[in-house]
């Protein structure tokens, strides 16, 4: 998984897995969902990320069941 924040455009992109994106779907005006040939989600883009997420407070936690 890769998480990228672009300060110049205030855009957050989360790539869940590397795959060829064949379609980008609009979830709303500022949220885009990337899907592969099988319809599986490979990424999400969030515009106006500072207003819509807690970018400065990012944390990551991996838990094993």
C-alpha atoms as a PDB file:
ATOM      1  CA  UNK A   1       0.000   0.000   0.000  1.00  0.00           C
ATOM      2  CA  UNK A   2       1.220   3.516  -0.811  1.00  0.00           C
ATOM      3  CA  UNK A   3      -0.141   6.717   0.620  1.00  0.00           C
ATOM      4  CA  UNK A   4       0.785   9.974  -1.077  1.00  0.00           C
ATOM      5  CA  UNK A   5      -0.197  13.502  -0.169  1.00  0.00           C
ATOM      6  CA  UNK A   6       0.308  16.286  -2.710  1.00  0.00           C
ATOM      7  CA  UNK A   7       0.446  19.588  -0.839  1.00  0.00           C
ATOM      8  CA  UNK A   8       0.325  21.765  -3.963  1.00  0.00           C
ATOM      9  CA  UNK A   9      -3.101  20.356  -4.940  1.00  0.00           C
ATOM     10  CA  UNK A  10      -4.275  19.237  -1.463  1.00  0.00           C
ATOM     11  CA  UNK A  11      -4.840  15.753  -2.847  1.00  0.00           C
ATOM     12  CA  UNK A  12      -4.535  12.464  -0.986  1.00  0.00           C
ATOM     13  CA  UNK A  13      -4.037   9.276  -3.002  1.00  0.00           C
ATOM     14  CA  UNK A  14      -4.100   5.834  -1.417  1.00  0.00           C
ATOM     15  CA  UNK A  15      -2.965   2.947  -3.585  1.00  0.00           C
ATOM     16  CA  UNK A  16      -4.133  -0.298  -2.029  1.00  0.00           C
ATOM     17  CA  UNK A  17      -2.267  -2.497  -4.472  1.00  0.00           C
ATOM     18  CA  UNK A  18      -0.411  -2.026  -7.740  1.00  0.00           C
ATOM     19  CA  UNK A  19      -2.727  -2.838 -10.626  1.00  0.00           C
ATOM     20  CA  UNK A  20      -3.739  -1.499 -14.010  1.00  0.00           C
ATOM     21  CA  UNK A  21      -6.575   0.954 -13.468  1.00  0.00           C
ATOM     22  CA  UNK A  22      -9.239   0.456 -16.121  1.00  0.00           C
ATOM     23  CA  UNK A  23     -11.915   2.712 -14.653  1.00  0.00           C
ATOM     24  CA  UNK A  24     -12.113   5.641 -12.277  1.00  0.00           C
ATOM     25  CA  UNK A  25     -15.488   6.098 -10.614  1.00  0.00           C
ATOM     26  CA  UNK A  26     -16.764   9.272  -8.984  1.00  0.00           C
ATOM     27  CA  UNK A  27     -18.015   8.534  -5.482  1.00  0.00           C
ATOM     28  CA  UNK A  28     -18.813  12.199  -4.978  1.00  0.00           C
ATOM     29  CA  UNK A  29     -17.543  15.523  -6.299  1.00  0.00           C
ATOM     30  CA  UNK A  30     -14.159  15.162  -4.573  1.00  0.00           C
ATOM     31  CA  UNK A  31     -13.638  11.403  -4.221  1.00  0.00           C
ATOM     32  CA  UNK A  32     -12.484   9.067  -6.990  1.00  0.00           C
ATOM     33  CA  UNK A  33     -12.242   5.294  -6.858  1.00  0.00           C
ATOM     34  CA  UNK A  34      -9.831   3.373  -9.121  1.00  0.00           C
ATOM     35  CA  UNK A  35     -10.786  -0.179 -10.114  1.00  0.00           C
ATOM     36  CA  UNK A  36      -9.070  -2.917 -12.111  1.00  0.00           C
ATOM     37  CA  UNK A  37     -10.451  -5.188 -14.849  1.00  0.00           C
ATOM     38  CA  UNK A  38     -12.152  -7.408 -12.274  1.00  0.00           C
ATOM     39  CA  UNK A  39     -13.837  -4.455 -10.561  1.00  0.00           C
ATOM     40  CA  UNK A  40     -11.575  -4.680  -7.513  1.00  0.00           C
ATOM     41  CA  UNK A  41     -10.582  -1.443  -5.796  1.00  0.00           C
ATOM     42  CA  UNK A  42      -6.939  -0.532  -6.317  1.00  0.00           C
ATOM     43  CA  UNK A  43      -6.927   3.086  -5.155  1.00  0.00           C
ATOM     44  CA  UNK A  44      -8.828   6.095  -3.928  1.00  0.00           C
ATOM     45  CA  UNK A  45      -8.187   9.811  -4.477  1.00  0.00           C
ATOM     46  CA  UNK A  46      -9.507  12.481  -2.126  1.00  0.00           C
ATOM     47  CA  UNK A  47      -9.485  16.119  -3.207  1.00  0.00           C
ATOM     48  CA  UNK A  48      -9.478  18.927  -0.585  1.00  0.00           C
ATOM     49  CA  UNK A  49      -7.892  16.404   1.757  1.00  0.00           C
ATOM     50  CA  UNK A  50      -7.000  18.835   4.545  1.00  0.00           C
ATOM     51  CA  UNK A  51     -10.680  19.719   4.977  1.00  0.00           C
ATOM     52  CA  UNK A  52     -11.946  16.166   4.635  1.00  0.00           C
ATOM     53  CA  UNK A  53      -9.347  14.122   6.536  1.00  0.00           C
ATOM     54  CA  UNK A  54      -6.906  14.487   9.392  1.00  0.00           C
ATOM     55  CA  UNK A  55      -3.773  14.585   7.224  1.00  0.00           C
ATOM     56  CA  UNK A  56      -1.454  15.991   9.928  1.00  0.00           C
ATOM     57  CA  UNK A  57      -2.579  13.287  12.380  1.00  0.00           C
ATOM     58  CA  UNK A  58      -1.904  10.279  10.197  1.00  0.00           C
ATOM     59  CA  UNK A  59      -1.043   7.009  11.911  1.00  0.00           C
ATOM     60  CA  UNK A  60      -0.751   3.419  10.795  1.00  0.00           C
ATOM     61  CA  UNK A  61      -1.546   0.304  12.762  1.00  0.00           C
ATOM     62  CA  UNK A  62      -1.163  -3.297  11.657  1.00  0.00           C
ATOM     63  CA  UNK A  63      -2.901  -5.886  13.790  1.00  0.00           C
ATOM     64  CA  UNK A  64      -2.880  -9.644  13.439  1.00  0.00           C
ATOM     65  CA  UNK A  65      -5.943 -11.632  14.434  1.00  0.00           C
END
